[in-house]
Amino acid sequence: MAYRIALCDDQPQALSLLSALAREWGKARGFALQLACFQGAEALLFQLSDESYDILLLDIEMPVMDGVSLARKVRREDGNVQIIFVTGYSDYIAQGYEVEALHYLMKPVDREKLFSVLDRAVEKLRKNERPLLLELAGETVRLPLRELRYLEVRRNFVTLHAREEYTVKKPLTEFEERLDERFFRTGRSFIVNLMYIQKITRTDIFLTTGEVLPLPR
């Protein structure tokens, strides 16, 4: 397997150490890695306009733009990339929830802890790529679970809302059995991907896409 990893730290020595450890992990696991190193958040953000990465290792304390601000911008465009923060302070941990950070590593980075977190990142990437196979009008469509925002029952049909909408004549329970822990059923008519929920009120579910789903009593 090949993975693309971007490392961002304004301290060259820390960046060099992190890069060496990441290469060591890739060699130990038999992965082909494409590593890219950046000494500032702005440089990485500029590169992201042309490139995409599977894993980001981000220092938090950087001048001009810090790692958390960078992660917010990245997460708005990419819901699948695995974000790992590297920091010398524990004060920032709460901020990681809003960008779905996989983990925080404290400096100096411990080799075994980094390996363990990178193993988790790869496992999540693999799980996110798991598709639903849909039989539609004589063709089979592979729909990655990470792209599926919610499923909705309309009479005898289920509509799957992703980058496109797909409607099939199947019971919702059949799909429920094929989904994973990211999905939650709300009443008879909806199954929602929890990763897309922005907020919940007593009557509605607000998604990050701006869509609003009714919440049954």
N, C-alpha and C. Protein backbone atom coordinates (compact mmCIF):
# COMPACT_ATOMS: atom_id res chain seq x y z
N MET A 1 0.84 -1.19 0.00
CA MET A 1 0.00 0.00 0.00
C MET A 1 0.88 1.25 0.00
N ALA A 2 0.38 2.31 -0.62
CA ALA A 2 1.10 3.58 -0.66
C ALA A 2 0.27 4.64 0.04
N TYR A 3 0.92 5.45 0.86
CA TYR A 3 0.24 6.52 1.58
C TYR A 3 1.00 7.82 1.42
N ARG A 4 0.24 8.91 1.33
CA ARG A 4 0.82 10.24 1.19
C ARG A 4 0.70 10.96 2.53
N ILE A 5 1.83 11.36 3.08
CA ILE A 5 1.86 11.99 4.40
C ILE A 5 2.52 13.36 4.29
N ALA A 6 1.85 14.37 4.85
CA ALA A 6 2.44 15.71 4.92
C ALA A 6 2.78 16.02 6.36
N LEU A 7 3.97 16.56 6.58
CA LEU A 7 4.43 16.94 7.92
C LEU A 7 4.67 18.44 7.93
N CYS A 8 4.19 19.10 8.97
CA CYS A 8 4.29 20.55 9.02
C CYS A 8 4.77 20.98 10.41
N ASP A 9 5.94 21.62 10.46
CA ASP A 9 6.51 22.11 11.72
C ASP A 9 7.48 23.23 11.38
N ASP A 10 7.42 24.33 12.10
CA ASP A 10 8.29 25.46 11.79
C ASP A 10 9.72 25.27 12.32
N GLN A 11 9.94 24.20 13.08
CA GLN A 11 11.27 23.92 13.60
C GLN A 11 11.93 22.82 12.76
N PRO A 12 12.98 23.15 12.02
CA PRO A 12 13.62 22.18 11.11
C PRO A 12 14.06 20.89 11.80
N GLN A 13 14.59 21.01 13.03
CA GLN A 13 15.07 19.82 13.73
C GLN A 13 13.91 18.88 14.07
N ALA A 14 12.80 19.44 14.54
CA ALA A 14 11.63 18.63 14.86
C ALA A 14 11.06 18.00 13.59
N LEU A 15 11.06 18.75 12.50
CA LEU A 15 10.54 18.25 11.23
C LEU A 15 11.39 17.09 10.72
N SER A 16 12.69 17.21 10.85
CA SER A 16 13.61 16.17 10.41
C SER A 16 13.42 14.90 11.21
N LEU A 17 13.25 15.04 12.53
CA LEU A 17 13.05 13.87 13.40
C LEU A 17 11.73 13.18 13.07
N LEU A 18 10.69 13.94 12.91
CA LEU A 18 9.38 13.38 12.60
C LEU A 18 9.39 12.66 11.26
N SER A 19 10.06 13.25 10.29
CA SER A 19 10.16 12.65 8.97
C SER A 19 10.91 11.32 9.03
N ALA A 20 12.00 11.29 9.79
CA ALA A 20 12.79 10.06 9.92
C ALA A 20 11.97 8.95 10.58
N LEU A 21 11.21 9.30 11.61
CA LEU A 21 10.38 8.32 12.30
C LEU A 21 9.27 7.80 11.39
N ALA A 22 8.67 8.70 10.60
CA ALA A 22 7.60 8.29 9.68
C ALA A 22 8.16 7.32 8.63
N ARG A 23 9.35 7.61 8.11
CA ARG A 23 9.96 6.71 7.13
C ARG A 23 10.26 5.35 7.76
N GLU A 24 10.71 5.37 9.00
CA GLU A 24 11.01 4.12 9.71
C GLU A 24 9.73 3.30 9.89
N TRP A 25 8.64 3.98 10.23
CA TRP A 25 7.34 3.29 10.38
C TRP A 25 6.92 2.67 9.05
N GLY A 26 7.01 3.43 7.96
CA GLY A 26 6.61 2.93 6.66
C GLY A 26 7.42 1.70 6.25
N LYS A 27 8.73 1.73 6.53
CA LYS A 27 9.59 0.60 6.19
C LYS A 27 9.23 -0.62 7.02
N ALA A 28 8.95 -0.40 8.31
CA ALA A 28 8.60 -1.51 9.21
C ALA A 28 7.27 -2.15 8.81
N ARG A 29 6.35 -1.35 8.27
CA ARG A 29 5.02 -1.87 7.91
C ARG A 29 4.95 -2.32 6.45
N GLY A 30 6.00 -2.06 5.69
CA GLY A 30 6.00 -2.45 4.29
C GLY A 30 5.18 -1.53 3.40
N PHE A 31 5.01 -0.27 3.82
CA PHE A 31 4.24 0.69 3.03
C PHE A 31 5.18 1.55 2.18
N ALA A 32 4.71 1.91 1.01
CA ALA A 32 5.41 2.90 0.19
C ALA A 32 4.88 4.28 0.56
N LEU A 33 5.74 5.12 1.08
CA LEU A 33 5.32 6.44 1.55
C LEU A 33 5.78 7.54 0.61
N GLN A 34 4.91 8.52 0.44
CA GLN A 34 5.29 9.78 -0.20
C GLN A 34 5.22 10.85 0.89
N LEU A 35 6.39 11.29 1.34
CA LEU A 35 6.45 12.27 2.42
C LEU A 35 6.72 13.65 1.86
N ALA A 36 6.00 14.64 2.40
CA ALA A 36 6.23 16.03 2.02
C ALA A 36 6.37 16.84 3.31
N CYS A 37 7.43 17.62 3.41
CA CYS A 37 7.70 18.40 4.62
C CYS A 37 7.51 19.89 4.36
N PHE A 38 6.86 20.56 5.32
CA PHE A 38 6.58 21.99 5.21
C PHE A 38 6.95 22.68 6.52
N GLN A 39 7.57 23.86 6.41
CA GLN A 39 7.97 24.61 7.59
C GLN A 39 6.98 25.72 7.93
N GLY A 40 5.81 25.68 7.33
CA GLY A 40 4.79 26.66 7.66
C GLY A 40 3.44 26.21 7.17
N ALA A 41 2.38 26.60 7.87
CA ALA A 41 1.03 26.19 7.50
C ALA A 41 0.64 26.74 6.13
N GLU A 42 1.10 27.96 5.82
CA GLU A 42 0.72 28.59 4.56
C GLU A 42 1.27 27.79 3.38
N ALA A 43 2.50 27.27 3.51
CA ALA A 43 3.10 26.50 2.43
C ALA A 43 2.33 25.21 2.18
N LEU A 44 1.92 24.54 3.27
CA LEU A 44 1.13 23.31 3.12
C LEU A 44 -0.23 23.61 2.52
N LEU A 45 -0.85 24.69 2.97
CA LEU A 45 -2.18 25.05 2.45
C LEU A 45 -2.11 25.35 0.96
N PHE A 46 -1.07 26.02 0.54
CA PHE A 46 -0.88 26.31 -0.89
C PHE A 46 -0.73 25.02 -1.68
N GLN A 47 0.04 24.07 -1.15
CA GLN A 47 0.26 22.80 -1.84
C GLN A 47 -1.02 21.98 -1.94
N LEU A 48 -1.89 22.13 -0.95
CA LEU A 48 -3.14 21.37 -0.93
C LEU A 48 -4.09 21.76 -2.06
N SER A 49 -3.84 22.89 -2.69
CA SER A 49 -4.67 23.27 -3.83
C SER A 49 -4.39 22.37 -5.04
N ASP A 50 -3.23 21.70 -5.04
CA ASP A 50 -2.86 20.81 -6.15
C ASP A 50 -2.72 19.35 -5.73
N GLU A 51 -2.42 19.13 -4.45
CA GLU A 51 -2.16 17.78 -3.96
C GLU A 51 -3.14 17.43 -2.84
N SER A 52 -3.32 16.13 -2.62
CA SER A 52 -4.09 15.67 -1.47
C SER A 52 -3.24 14.67 -0.70
N TYR A 53 -3.50 14.57 0.59
CA TYR A 53 -2.72 13.68 1.45
C TYR A 53 -3.66 12.79 2.25
N ASP A 54 -3.13 11.64 2.65
CA ASP A 54 -3.91 10.71 3.47
C ASP A 54 -3.79 11.05 4.95
N ILE A 55 -2.60 11.48 5.36
CA ILE A 55 -2.32 11.75 6.78
C ILE A 55 -1.58 13.08 6.89
N LEU A 56 -2.00 13.90 7.87
CA LEU A 56 -1.30 15.15 8.16
C LEU A 56 -0.75 15.09 9.59
N LEU A 57 0.52 15.37 9.74
CA LEU A 57 1.15 15.50 11.06
C LEU A 57 1.46 16.99 11.23
N LEU A 58 0.72 17.65 12.12
CA LEU A 58 0.77 19.10 12.20
C LEU A 58 1.24 19.58 13.57
N ASP A 59 2.27 20.41 13.55
CA ASP A 59 2.65 21.13 14.77
C ASP A 59 1.55 22.16 15.03
N ILE A 60 1.30 22.47 16.29
CA ILE A 60 0.25 23.44 16.61
C ILE A 60 0.81 24.85 16.72
N GLU A 61 1.92 25.00 17.44
CA GLU A 61 2.46 26.34 17.68
C GLU A 61 3.36 26.77 16.51
N MET A 62 2.74 27.46 15.56
CA MET A 62 3.49 27.99 14.42
C MET A 62 3.11 29.45 14.21
N PRO A 63 4.04 30.27 13.69
CA PRO A 63 3.73 31.68 13.45
C PRO A 63 2.74 31.87 12.31
N VAL A 64 2.09 33.00 12.28
CA VAL A 64 1.11 33.42 11.27
C VAL A 64 -0.14 32.56 11.33
N MET A 65 -0.04 31.28 10.96
CA MET A 65 -1.20 30.38 11.05
C MET A 65 -0.81 29.17 11.88
N ASP A 66 -1.56 28.89 12.96
CA ASP A 66 -1.25 27.73 13.79
C ASP A 66 -1.85 26.46 13.19
N GLY A 67 -1.47 25.33 13.76
CA GLY A 67 -1.90 24.04 13.23
C GLY A 67 -3.39 23.80 13.31
N VAL A 68 -4.04 24.30 14.36
CA VAL A 68 -5.49 24.10 14.50
C VAL A 68 -6.23 24.89 13.42
N SER A 69 -5.82 26.12 13.17
CA SER A 69 -6.45 26.92 12.12
C SER A 69 -6.27 26.27 10.76
N LEU A 70 -5.08 25.72 10.52
CA LEU A 70 -4.82 25.00 9.28
C LEU A 70 -5.75 23.80 9.15
N ALA A 71 -5.89 23.05 10.25
CA ALA A 71 -6.74 21.85 10.23
C ALA A 71 -8.19 22.21 9.94
N ARG A 72 -8.66 23.33 10.46
CA ARG A 72 -10.05 23.75 10.18
C ARG A 72 -10.25 23.96 8.68
N LYS A 73 -9.30 24.63 8.05
CA LYS A 73 -9.41 24.88 6.61
C LYS A 73 -9.36 23.58 5.83
N VAL A 74 -8.48 22.67 6.22
CA VAL A 74 -8.35 21.39 5.53
C VAL A 74 -9.62 20.57 5.67
N ARG A 75 -10.16 20.53 6.89
CA ARG A 75 -11.32 19.68 7.17
C ARG A 75 -12.55 20.12 6.40
N ARG A 76 -12.66 21.41 6.10
CA ARG A 76 -13.82 21.88 5.33
C ARG A 76 -13.84 21.29 3.93
N GLU A 77 -12.66 20.93 3.42
CA GLU A 77 -12.57 20.40 2.05
C GLU A 77 -12.39 18.89 2.01
N ASP A 78 -11.89 18.31 3.10
CA ASP A 78 -11.55 16.89 3.09
C ASP A 78 -11.98 16.25 4.41
N GLY A 79 -12.99 15.40 4.33
CA GLY A 79 -13.49 14.74 5.53
C GLY A 79 -12.80 13.43 5.83
N ASN A 80 -11.90 13.00 4.95
CA ASN A 80 -11.28 11.69 5.10
C ASN A 80 -9.85 11.74 5.62
N VAL A 81 -9.14 12.84 5.38
CA VAL A 81 -7.73 12.92 5.78
C VAL A 81 -7.61 12.74 7.29
N GLN A 82 -6.60 12.00 7.72
CA GLN A 82 -6.36 11.75 9.14
C GLN A 82 -5.40 12.82 9.68
N ILE A 83 -5.86 13.56 10.68
CA ILE A 83 -5.10 14.67 11.23
C ILE A 83 -4.54 14.28 12.59
N ILE A 84 -3.22 14.42 12.72
CA ILE A 84 -2.52 14.13 13.98
C ILE A 84 -1.78 15.40 14.38
N PHE A 85 -2.06 15.88 15.58
CA PHE A 85 -1.38 17.08 16.07
C PHE A 85 -0.13 16.69 16.86
N VAL A 86 0.90 17.51 16.72
CA VAL A 86 2.13 17.36 17.49
C VAL A 86 2.32 18.67 18.26
N THR A 87 2.46 18.58 19.56
CA THR A 87 2.52 19.80 20.35
C THR A 87 3.35 19.62 21.61
N GLY A 88 3.84 20.72 22.12
CA GLY A 88 4.57 20.69 23.38
C GLY A 88 3.68 21.02 24.56
N TYR A 89 2.40 21.30 24.28
CA TYR A 89 1.48 21.70 25.34
C TYR A 89 0.18 20.92 25.24
N SER A 90 -0.45 20.69 26.37
CA SER A 90 -1.72 19.95 26.40
C SER A 90 -2.92 20.87 26.36
N ASP A 91 -2.69 22.20 26.31
CA ASP A 91 -3.79 23.16 26.39
C ASP A 91 -4.70 23.13 25.17
N TYR A 92 -4.22 22.57 24.07
CA TYR A 92 -4.97 22.65 22.81
C TYR A 92 -5.86 21.45 22.54
N ILE A 93 -5.84 20.47 23.41
CA ILE A 93 -6.50 19.20 23.12
C ILE A 93 -7.98 19.37 22.81
N ALA A 94 -8.68 20.21 23.55
CA ALA A 94 -10.12 20.38 23.33
C ALA A 94 -10.43 20.88 21.93
N GLN A 95 -9.51 21.65 21.34
CA GLN A 95 -9.75 22.21 20.01
C GLN A 95 -9.71 21.15 18.92
N GLY A 96 -9.16 19.99 19.22
CA GLY A 96 -9.05 18.95 18.22
C GLY A 96 -10.36 18.29 17.86
N TYR A 97 -11.34 18.38 18.76
CA TYR A 97 -12.61 17.71 18.49
C TYR A 97 -13.32 18.29 17.28
N GLU A 98 -13.25 19.59 17.10
CA GLU A 98 -14.00 20.21 16.02
C GLU A 98 -13.42 19.88 14.64
N VAL A 99 -12.18 19.46 14.60
CA VAL A 99 -11.58 19.08 13.30
C VAL A 99 -11.39 17.57 13.22
N GLU A 100 -11.97 16.84 14.19
CA GLU A 100 -11.91 15.38 14.20
C GLU A 100 -10.47 14.88 14.15
N ALA A 101 -9.63 15.47 14.98
CA ALA A 101 -8.24 15.03 15.04
C ALA A 101 -8.17 13.61 15.58
N LEU A 102 -7.31 12.80 14.98
CA LEU A 102 -7.18 11.41 15.40
C LEU A 102 -6.49 11.32 16.75
N HIS A 103 -5.47 12.15 16.97
CA HIS A 103 -4.69 12.03 18.21
C HIS A 103 -3.79 13.26 18.39
N TYR A 104 -3.34 13.44 19.63
CA TYR A 104 -2.31 14.43 19.94
C TYR A 104 -1.05 13.69 20.38
N LEU A 105 0.08 14.07 19.83
CA LEU A 105 1.37 13.53 20.26
C LEU A 105 2.14 14.66 20.94
N MET A 106 2.64 14.38 22.12
CA MET A 106 3.40 15.38 22.86
C MET A 106 4.87 15.32 22.45
N LYS A 107 5.47 16.50 22.33
CA LYS A 107 6.90 16.58 22.04
C LYS A 107 7.70 16.34 23.32
N PRO A 108 8.87 15.72 23.24
CA PRO A 108 9.44 15.07 22.04
C PRO A 108 8.65 13.81 21.68
N VAL A 109 8.45 13.59 20.39
CA VAL A 109 7.60 12.50 19.92
C VAL A 109 8.24 11.15 20.24
N ASP A 110 7.45 10.29 20.87
CA ASP A 110 7.91 8.94 21.20
C ASP A 110 7.70 8.02 19.99
N ARG A 111 8.72 7.26 19.66
CA ARG A 111 8.69 6.40 18.47
C ARG A 111 7.52 5.43 18.50
N GLU A 112 7.35 4.70 19.60
CA GLU A 112 6.30 3.69 19.67
C GLU A 112 4.91 4.31 19.62
N LYS A 113 4.74 5.46 20.26
CA LYS A 113 3.43 6.13 20.23
C LYS A 113 3.10 6.61 18.82
N LEU A 114 4.11 7.14 18.12
CA LEU A 114 3.88 7.58 16.74
C LEU A 114 3.49 6.40 15.87
N PHE A 115 4.21 5.28 16.01
CA PHE A 115 3.89 4.09 15.21
C PHE A 115 2.46 3.64 15.48
N SER A 116 2.06 3.64 16.74
CA SER A 116 0.71 3.20 17.10
C SER A 116 -0.36 4.10 16.50
N VAL A 117 -0.12 5.41 16.55
CA VAL A 117 -1.10 6.37 16.00
C VAL A 117 -1.17 6.26 14.48
N LEU A 118 -0.04 6.09 13.83
CA LEU A 118 -0.04 5.93 12.37
C LEU A 118 -0.74 4.63 11.97
N ASP A 119 -0.59 3.59 12.77
CA ASP A 119 -1.33 2.34 12.52
C ASP A 119 -2.83 2.59 12.58
N ARG A 120 -3.27 3.36 13.56
CA ARG A 120 -4.70 3.69 13.69
C ARG A 120 -5.18 4.52 12.50
N ALA A 121 -4.34 5.44 12.06
CA ALA A 121 -4.71 6.29 10.92
C ALA A 121 -4.94 5.44 9.68
N VAL A 122 -4.06 4.48 9.43
CA VAL A 122 -4.20 3.60 8.27
C VAL A 122 -5.46 2.76 8.39
N GLU A 123 -5.75 2.27 9.59
CA GLU A 123 -6.96 1.47 9.79
C GLU A 123 -8.22 2.29 9.49
N LYS A 124 -8.22 3.54 9.92
CA LYS A 124 -9.38 4.40 9.64
C LYS A 124 -9.50 4.70 8.15
N LEU A 125 -8.38 4.91 7.49
CA LEU A 125 -8.41 5.15 6.05
C LEU A 125 -8.99 3.95 5.31
N ARG A 126 -8.59 2.77 5.71
CA ARG A 126 -9.11 1.56 5.08
C ARG A 126 -10.61 1.41 5.33
N LYS A 127 -11.03 1.69 6.54
CA LYS A 127 -12.44 1.57 6.88
C LYS A 127 -13.28 2.58 6.11
N ASN A 128 -12.74 3.78 5.96
CA ASN A 128 -13.47 4.83 5.24
C ASN A 128 -13.65 4.51 3.76
N GLU A 129 -12.77 3.68 3.23
CA GLU A 129 -12.88 3.34 1.82
C GLU A 129 -13.85 2.19 1.57
N ARG A 130 -14.37 1.61 2.64
CA ARG A 130 -15.31 0.50 2.45
C ARG A 130 -16.54 0.98 1.71
N PRO A 131 -16.90 0.33 0.59
CA PRO A 131 -18.03 0.84 -0.19
C PRO A 131 -19.32 0.06 0.02
N LEU A 132 -20.42 0.72 -0.31
CA LEU A 132 -21.68 0.03 -0.55
C LEU A 132 -21.76 -0.26 -2.04
N LEU A 133 -22.19 -1.44 -2.39
CA LEU A 133 -22.37 -1.79 -3.79
C LEU A 133 -23.85 -1.68 -4.12
N LEU A 134 -24.19 -0.80 -5.06
CA LEU A 134 -25.58 -0.55 -5.42
C LEU A 134 -25.84 -1.05 -6.85
N GLU A 135 -26.88 -1.84 -6.99
CA GLU A 135 -27.29 -2.31 -8.31
C GLU A 135 -28.33 -1.34 -8.87
N LEU A 136 -27.93 -0.60 -9.91
CA LEU A 136 -28.81 0.43 -10.46
C LEU A 136 -28.90 0.29 -11.98
N ALA A 137 -30.09 0.03 -12.48
CA ALA A 137 -30.35 0.01 -13.92
C ALA A 137 -29.29 -0.76 -14.71
N GLY A 138 -29.00 -1.95 -14.25
CA GLY A 138 -28.07 -2.80 -14.98
C GLY A 138 -26.60 -2.52 -14.73
N GLU A 139 -26.28 -1.61 -13.80
CA GLU A 139 -24.87 -1.33 -13.49
C GLU A 139 -24.66 -1.35 -11.98
N THR A 140 -23.42 -1.59 -11.59
CA THR A 140 -23.07 -1.61 -10.17
C THR A 140 -22.29 -0.34 -9.83
N VAL A 141 -22.76 0.37 -8.81
CA VAL A 141 -22.11 1.61 -8.36
C VAL A 141 -21.44 1.35 -7.01
N ARG A 142 -20.16 1.73 -6.90
CA ARG A 142 -19.44 1.64 -5.62
C ARG A 142 -19.55 2.99 -4.92
N LEU A 143 -20.19 3.00 -3.77
CA LEU A 143 -20.39 4.22 -3.01
C LEU A 143 -19.61 4.12 -1.69
N PRO A 144 -18.47 4.84 -1.57
CA PRO A 144 -17.72 4.81 -0.32
C PRO A 144 -18.56 5.30 0.86
N LEU A 145 -18.49 4.61 1.98
CA LEU A 145 -19.30 4.98 3.13
C LEU A 145 -19.00 6.40 3.61
N ARG A 146 -17.76 6.86 3.46
CA ARG A 146 -17.41 8.20 3.94
C ARG A 146 -18.14 9.29 3.17
N GLU A 147 -18.59 8.99 1.94
CA GLU A 147 -19.30 9.98 1.14
C GLU A 147 -20.80 10.00 1.41
N LEU A 148 -21.29 9.00 2.11
CA LEU A 148 -22.73 8.87 2.35
C LEU A 148 -23.15 9.69 3.57
N ARG A 149 -23.94 10.75 3.34
CA ARG A 149 -24.36 11.64 4.42
C ARG A 149 -25.54 11.05 5.19
N TYR A 150 -26.56 10.63 4.46
CA TYR A 150 -27.71 10.01 5.13
C TYR A 150 -28.54 9.22 4.13
N LEU A 151 -29.38 8.33 4.67
CA LEU A 151 -30.31 7.53 3.88
C LEU A 151 -31.72 7.92 4.30
N GLU A 152 -32.60 7.97 3.34
CA GLU A 152 -33.95 8.46 3.59
C GLU A 152 -34.98 7.55 2.93
N VAL A 153 -36.00 7.16 3.70
CA VAL A 153 -37.08 6.34 3.16
C VAL A 153 -38.14 7.24 2.53
N ARG A 154 -38.52 6.90 1.30
CA ARG A 154 -39.63 7.57 0.63
C ARG A 154 -40.54 6.48 0.09
N ARG A 155 -41.64 6.25 0.79
CA ARG A 155 -42.56 5.15 0.47
C ARG A 155 -41.80 3.83 0.48
N ASN A 156 -41.77 3.14 -0.68
CA ASN A 156 -41.09 1.85 -0.71
C ASN A 156 -39.65 1.95 -1.22
N PHE A 157 -39.13 3.16 -1.29
CA PHE A 157 -37.80 3.38 -1.84
C PHE A 157 -36.89 4.02 -0.79
N VAL A 158 -35.60 3.75 -0.94
CA VAL A 158 -34.58 4.38 -0.08
C VAL A 158 -33.70 5.25 -0.98
N THR A 159 -33.53 6.51 -0.61
CA THR A 159 -32.64 7.41 -1.32
C THR A 159 -31.37 7.60 -0.51
N LEU A 160 -30.23 7.37 -1.14
CA LEU A 160 -28.93 7.54 -0.50
C LEU A 160 -28.35 8.88 -0.95
N HIS A 161 -28.08 9.75 0.01
CA HIS A 161 -27.59 11.09 -0.28
C HIS A 161 -26.07 11.13 -0.11
N ALA A 162 -25.37 11.27 -1.22
CA ALA A 162 -23.91 11.37 -1.22
C ALA A 162 -23.53 12.50 -2.17
N ARG A 163 -22.46 12.38 -2.92
CA ARG A 163 -22.14 13.39 -3.92
C ARG A 163 -23.24 13.45 -4.98
N GLU A 164 -23.85 12.28 -5.22
CA GLU A 164 -25.05 12.20 -6.04
C GLU A 164 -26.11 11.50 -5.23
N GLU A 165 -27.35 11.51 -5.71
CA GLU A 165 -28.42 10.80 -5.04
C GLU A 165 -28.73 9.51 -5.79
N TYR A 166 -28.89 8.43 -5.03
CA TYR A 166 -29.22 7.14 -5.61
C TYR A 166 -30.49 6.62 -4.93
N THR A 167 -31.46 6.18 -5.73
CA THR A 167 -32.70 5.67 -5.18
C THR A 167 -32.89 4.22 -5.59
N VAL A 168 -33.13 3.38 -4.59
CA VAL A 168 -33.30 1.95 -4.85
C VAL A 168 -34.54 1.45 -4.11
N LYS A 169 -35.12 0.37 -4.62
CA LYS A 169 -36.30 -0.22 -3.98
C LYS A 169 -35.85 -1.33 -3.05
N LYS A 170 -35.49 -0.95 -1.83
CA LYS A 170 -35.06 -1.89 -0.80
C LYS A 170 -35.51 -1.36 0.56
N PRO A 171 -35.69 -2.23 1.54
CA PRO A 171 -36.02 -1.74 2.88
C PRO A 171 -34.81 -1.10 3.55
N LEU A 172 -35.04 -0.13 4.40
CA LEU A 172 -33.95 0.57 5.09
C LEU A 172 -33.15 -0.39 5.97
N THR A 173 -33.82 -1.37 6.53
CA THR A 173 -33.13 -2.32 7.42
C THR A 173 -32.03 -3.08 6.68
N GLU A 174 -32.21 -3.32 5.39
CA GLU A 174 -31.18 -4.03 4.62
C GLU A 174 -29.90 -3.22 4.56
N PHE A 175 -30.02 -1.90 4.40
CA PHE A 175 -28.83 -1.04 4.40
C PHE A 175 -28.24 -0.92 5.80
N GLU A 176 -29.11 -0.86 6.79
CA GLU A 176 -28.64 -0.71 8.17
C GLU A 176 -27.66 -1.81 8.54
N GLU A 177 -27.90 -3.00 8.07
CA GLU A 177 -27.04 -4.14 8.38
C GLU A 177 -25.67 -4.03 7.69
N ARG A 178 -25.57 -3.22 6.65
CA ARG A 178 -24.33 -3.12 5.87
C ARG A 178 -23.50 -1.89 6.25
N LEU A 179 -23.99 -1.07 7.18
CA LEU A 179 -23.29 0.13 7.60
C LEU A 179 -22.46 -0.15 8.85
N ASP A 180 -21.62 0.83 9.23
CA ASP A 180 -20.79 0.64 10.41
C ASP A 180 -21.19 1.61 11.52
N GLU A 181 -20.29 1.75 12.51
CA GLU A 181 -20.63 2.53 13.72
C GLU A 181 -20.74 4.02 13.47
N ARG A 182 -20.37 4.50 12.31
CA ARG A 182 -20.53 5.92 12.00
C ARG A 182 -21.98 6.30 11.74
N PHE A 183 -22.85 5.32 11.54
CA PHE A 183 -24.22 5.60 11.14
C PHE A 183 -25.21 5.29 12.27
N PHE A 184 -26.21 6.18 12.38
CA PHE A 184 -27.20 6.06 13.46
C PHE A 184 -28.59 6.24 12.88
N ARG A 185 -29.48 5.35 13.25
CA ARG A 185 -30.85 5.43 12.74
C ARG A 185 -31.69 6.33 13.62
N THR A 186 -32.37 7.29 12.98
CA THR A 186 -33.25 8.21 13.72
C THR A 186 -34.69 7.94 13.27
N GLY A 187 -35.39 7.12 14.03
CA GLY A 187 -36.78 6.81 13.69
C GLY A 187 -36.89 5.88 12.49
N ARG A 188 -38.04 5.93 11.84
CA ARG A 188 -38.32 5.01 10.73
C ARG A 188 -37.73 5.44 9.41
N SER A 189 -37.46 6.74 9.26
CA SER A 189 -37.20 7.25 7.92
C SER A 189 -35.75 7.61 7.60
N PHE A 190 -34.87 7.74 8.59
CA PHE A 190 -33.52 8.22 8.31
C PHE A 190 -32.45 7.40 9.01
N ILE A 191 -31.33 7.25 8.33
CA ILE A 191 -30.07 6.81 8.94
C ILE A 191 -29.05 7.89 8.61
N VAL A 192 -28.36 8.42 9.62
CA VAL A 192 -27.48 9.57 9.44
C VAL A 192 -26.03 9.19 9.73
N ASN A 193 -25.13 9.69 8.90
CA ASN A 193 -23.70 9.56 9.14
C ASN A 193 -23.30 10.59 10.20
N LEU A 194 -22.88 10.12 11.36
CA LEU A 194 -22.57 11.01 12.48
C LEU A 194 -21.45 11.99 12.15
N MET A 195 -20.60 11.65 11.20
CA MET A 195 -19.47 12.52 10.85
C MET A 195 -19.93 13.81 10.18
N TYR A 196 -21.17 13.84 9.68
CA TYR A 196 -21.67 15.03 9.00
C TYR A 196 -22.57 15.89 9.89
N ILE A 197 -22.77 15.50 11.13
CA ILE A 197 -23.66 16.26 12.01
C ILE A 197 -22.94 17.48 12.57
N GLN A 198 -23.55 18.63 12.42
CA GLN A 198 -23.00 19.87 12.97
C GLN A 198 -23.59 20.16 14.34
N LYS A 199 -24.93 20.04 14.44
CA LYS A 199 -25.57 20.21 15.75
C LYS A 199 -26.94 19.52 15.73
N ILE A 200 -27.46 19.27 16.92
CA ILE A 200 -28.76 18.61 17.08
C ILE A 200 -29.59 19.44 18.05
N THR A 201 -30.85 19.68 17.68
CA THR A 201 -31.80 20.32 18.59
C THR A 201 -32.87 19.30 18.96
N ARG A 202 -33.88 19.73 19.64
CA ARG A 202 -34.94 18.80 20.04
C ARG A 202 -35.78 18.35 18.85
N THR A 203 -35.73 19.11 17.77
CA THR A 203 -36.60 18.80 16.62
C THR A 203 -35.86 18.53 15.32
N ASP A 204 -34.58 18.92 15.24
CA ASP A 204 -33.88 18.82 13.95
C ASP A 204 -32.44 18.37 14.12
N ILE A 205 -31.90 17.83 13.01
CA ILE A 205 -30.48 17.49 12.90
C ILE A 205 -29.89 18.37 11.81
N PHE A 206 -28.90 19.16 12.14
CA PHE A 206 -28.26 20.06 11.19
C PHE A 206 -26.95 19.44 10.72
N LEU A 207 -26.81 19.28 9.40
CA LEU A 207 -25.60 18.70 8.84
C LEU A 207 -24.61 19.79 8.43
N THR A 208 -23.36 19.40 8.29
CA THR A 208 -22.32 20.36 7.89
C THR A 208 -22.54 20.88 6.49
N THR A 209 -23.35 20.19 5.70
CA THR A 209 -23.64 20.61 4.33
C THR A 209 -24.75 21.65 4.25
N GLY A 210 -25.38 21.97 5.41
CA GLY A 210 -26.49 22.90 5.43
C GLY A 210 -27.85 22.22 5.39
N GLU A 211 -27.88 20.92 5.16
CA GLU A 211 -29.14 20.19 5.14
C GLU A 211 -29.68 20.03 6.56
N VAL A 212 -31.00 20.01 6.67
CA VAL A 212 -31.67 19.86 7.97
C VAL A 212 -32.62 18.69 7.90
N LEU A 213 -32.45 17.74 8.82
CA LEU A 213 -33.30 16.56 8.86
C LEU A 213 -34.19 16.61 10.10
N PRO A 214 -35.43 16.18 9.99
CA PRO A 214 -36.32 16.19 11.15
C PRO A 214 -35.89 15.10 12.14
N LEU A 215 -35.98 15.43 13.42
CA LEU A 215 -35.64 14.47 14.47
C LEU A 215 -36.93 13.99 15.12
N PRO A 216 -37.27 12.71 14.97
CA PRO A 216 -38.53 12.19 15.55
C PRO A 216 -38.51 12.29 17.07
N ARG A 217 -39.70 12.34 17.63
CA ARG A 217 -39.81 12.41 19.08
C ARG A 217 -39.27 11.16 19.74
